[in-house]
Amino acid sequence: MILLLACAGAPLEPTPDSAPAETSPEERAVVLILNRDCVACHGLGSFVAEGLDLSLGVEQLVGVPSSQWPDLDRVEPGSPEDSYLIVKLEGRQRDLQLNGLGNQMPSEEEPLSEQDLEAVRAWIGTLEAD
């Protein structure tokens, strides 16, 4: 598990000591993206949007039902297109008639670049279902 930690509101990048040896390059890339673009609202403070505290690690995403649409997991292992995270990052929550709430993520910033989206998709694709 990689913990996303911060001091004075600034997320820290995982260090070799804090990242287990089995952490994949795909997961390390996603942790950096989450630190940069998501943790400000989803962790590290008294307000944690949608109960999603990414400062506790990516385990808060994988195989966990979305609070906005519980029929979809936040991240469905091995299936990016069935993951609510991808739906929200692409801004498709309303297009899919999921009654998904809210806006495209990150809501206060520019959408993720295609390169970052592909990194998230690749990481989800590497995950194995239980």
Protein backbone atom coordinates (compact mmCIF):
# COMPACT_ATOMS: atom_id res chain seq x y z
CA MET A 1 0.00 0.00 0.00
CA ILE A 2 1.29 3.44 -0.86
CA LEU A 3 0.16 6.13 1.51
CA LEU A 4 -0.42 9.60 0.17
CA LEU A 5 0.72 11.91 2.94
CA ALA A 6 1.15 15.64 3.25
CA CYS A 7 2.42 18.31 5.53
CA ALA A 8 0.82 21.75 5.49
CA GLY A 9 -1.52 20.69 2.69
CA ALA A 10 1.15 19.74 0.15
CA PRO A 11 1.07 16.09 -0.94
CA LEU A 12 4.32 14.22 -0.83
CA GLU A 13 5.50 11.84 -3.50
CA PRO A 14 6.01 8.26 -2.40
CA THR A 15 9.57 7.51 -1.42
CA PRO A 16 11.41 4.24 -1.98
CA ASP A 17 11.03 3.54 1.75
CA SER A 18 7.26 4.11 1.71
CA ALA A 19 6.51 2.11 -1.45
CA PRO A 20 6.52 -1.67 -1.15
CA ALA A 21 8.76 -3.47 -3.61
CA GLU A 22 5.73 -5.04 -5.29
CA THR A 23 4.27 -1.65 -6.25
CA SER A 24 4.03 -1.57 -10.03
CA PRO A 25 5.28 1.29 -12.20
CA GLU A 26 1.64 1.81 -13.26
CA GLU A 27 0.53 2.24 -9.65
CA ARG A 28 3.39 4.63 -8.89
CA ALA A 29 2.36 6.76 -11.90
CA VAL A 30 -1.26 6.83 -10.73
CA VAL A 31 -0.27 7.76 -7.17
CA LEU A 32 1.60 10.77 -8.55
CA ILE A 33 -1.45 11.79 -10.62
CA LEU A 34 -3.76 11.38 -7.60
CA ASN A 35 -1.40 13.41 -5.42
CA ARG A 36 -1.22 16.19 -7.97
CA ASP A 37 -4.85 16.37 -9.07
CA CYS A 38 -7.15 14.67 -6.56
CA VAL A 39 -5.90 14.71 -2.97
CA ALA A 40 -6.70 18.39 -2.44
CA CYS A 41 -10.42 17.52 -2.35
CA HIS A 42 -10.27 13.80 -1.65
CA GLY A 43 -8.00 13.72 1.39
CA LEU A 44 -5.63 15.66 3.59
CA GLY A 45 -8.12 17.82 5.36
CA SER A 46 -11.23 18.07 7.43
CA PHE A 47 -13.41 17.87 4.31
CA VAL A 48 -13.17 14.71 2.24
CA ALA A 49 -15.42 14.83 -0.83
CA GLU A 50 -17.76 11.84 -1.20
CA GLY A 51 -16.04 10.05 1.68
CA LEU A 52 -13.11 9.26 -0.60
CA ASP A 53 -9.88 9.86 1.30
CA LEU A 54 -7.06 9.15 -1.12
CA SER A 55 -4.51 10.01 1.54
CA LEU A 56 -5.24 6.47 2.79
CA GLY A 57 -4.03 4.93 -0.48
CA VAL A 58 -5.39 3.45 -3.68
CA GLU A 59 -7.12 0.76 -1.64
CA GLN A 60 -9.89 3.35 -1.24
CA LEU A 61 -10.61 2.88 -4.95
CA VAL A 62 -10.12 -0.76 -5.91
CA GLY A 63 -13.23 -2.94 -5.61
CA VAL A 64 -15.05 -0.28 -3.56
CA PRO A 65 -18.55 0.75 -4.70
CA SER A 66 -18.90 4.37 -5.75
CA SER A 67 -20.83 6.45 -3.24
CA GLN A 68 -22.53 8.23 -6.16
CA TRP A 69 -23.42 5.08 -8.12
CA PRO A 70 -23.05 1.97 -5.93
CA ASP A 71 -23.68 -0.41 -8.85
CA LEU A 72 -20.21 0.52 -10.16
CA ASP A 73 -16.99 0.13 -8.25
CA ARG A 74 -14.74 3.15 -8.08
CA VAL A 75 -12.17 0.92 -9.78
CA GLU A 76 -13.17 -2.42 -11.27
CA PRO A 77 -9.94 -4.46 -11.37
CA GLY A 78 -8.88 -5.21 -14.94
CA SER A 79 -11.73 -3.18 -16.46
CA PRO A 80 -11.12 0.54 -16.94
CA GLU A 81 -14.38 1.09 -18.85
CA ASP A 82 -16.38 -0.45 -15.99
CA SER A 83 -14.71 1.79 -13.40
CA TYR A 84 -16.55 4.85 -12.08
CA LEU A 85 -13.20 6.61 -11.71
CA ILE A 86 -12.75 6.59 -15.49
CA VAL A 87 -16.36 7.68 -16.01
CA LYS A 88 -15.78 10.69 -13.73
CA LEU A 89 -12.35 11.55 -15.15
CA GLU A 90 -13.83 11.55 -18.66
CA GLY A 91 -16.98 13.43 -17.58
CA ARG A 92 -19.34 10.68 -18.78
CA GLN A 93 -21.38 10.22 -15.58
CA ARG A 94 -24.44 11.88 -17.11
CA ASP A 95 -23.99 10.60 -20.67
CA LEU A 96 -24.27 7.02 -19.50
CA GLN A 97 -27.60 7.69 -17.80
CA LEU A 98 -26.13 6.42 -14.56
CA ASN A 99 -27.72 9.26 -12.63
CA GLY A 100 -24.17 9.98 -11.59
CA LEU A 101 -23.82 13.14 -9.65
CA GLY A 102 -21.38 15.95 -9.83
CA ASN A 103 -18.96 17.13 -12.43
CA GLN A 104 -16.04 15.82 -14.37
CA MET A 105 -13.03 15.29 -12.13
CA PRO A 106 -10.93 17.04 -11.12
CA SER A 107 -13.69 19.60 -10.68
CA GLU A 108 -11.59 22.64 -9.80
CA GLU A 109 -8.82 22.02 -12.32
CA GLU A 110 -8.35 21.27 -15.99
CA PRO A 111 -9.33 17.73 -16.97
CA LEU A 112 -6.53 15.19 -16.96
CA SER A 113 -4.44 15.00 -20.10
CA GLU A 114 -4.95 12.03 -22.41
CA GLN A 115 -1.55 10.78 -21.26
CA ASP A 116 -2.65 10.84 -17.61
CA LEU A 117 -5.99 9.21 -18.46
CA GLU A 118 -4.13 6.48 -20.31
CA ALA A 119 -1.87 5.96 -17.28
CA VAL A 120 -4.95 5.49 -15.06
CA ARG A 121 -6.52 3.11 -17.58
CA ALA A 122 -3.26 1.14 -17.82
CA TRP A 123 -3.05 0.82 -14.02
CA ILE A 124 -6.64 -0.41 -13.77
CA GLY A 125 -5.91 -2.87 -16.56
CA THR A 126 -3.04 -4.38 -14.56
CA LEU A 127 -5.22 -5.09 -11.52
CA GLU A 128 -6.49 -8.59 -11.03
CA ALA A 129 -10.01 -9.31 -9.88
CA ASP A 130 -10.30 -11.28 -6.65
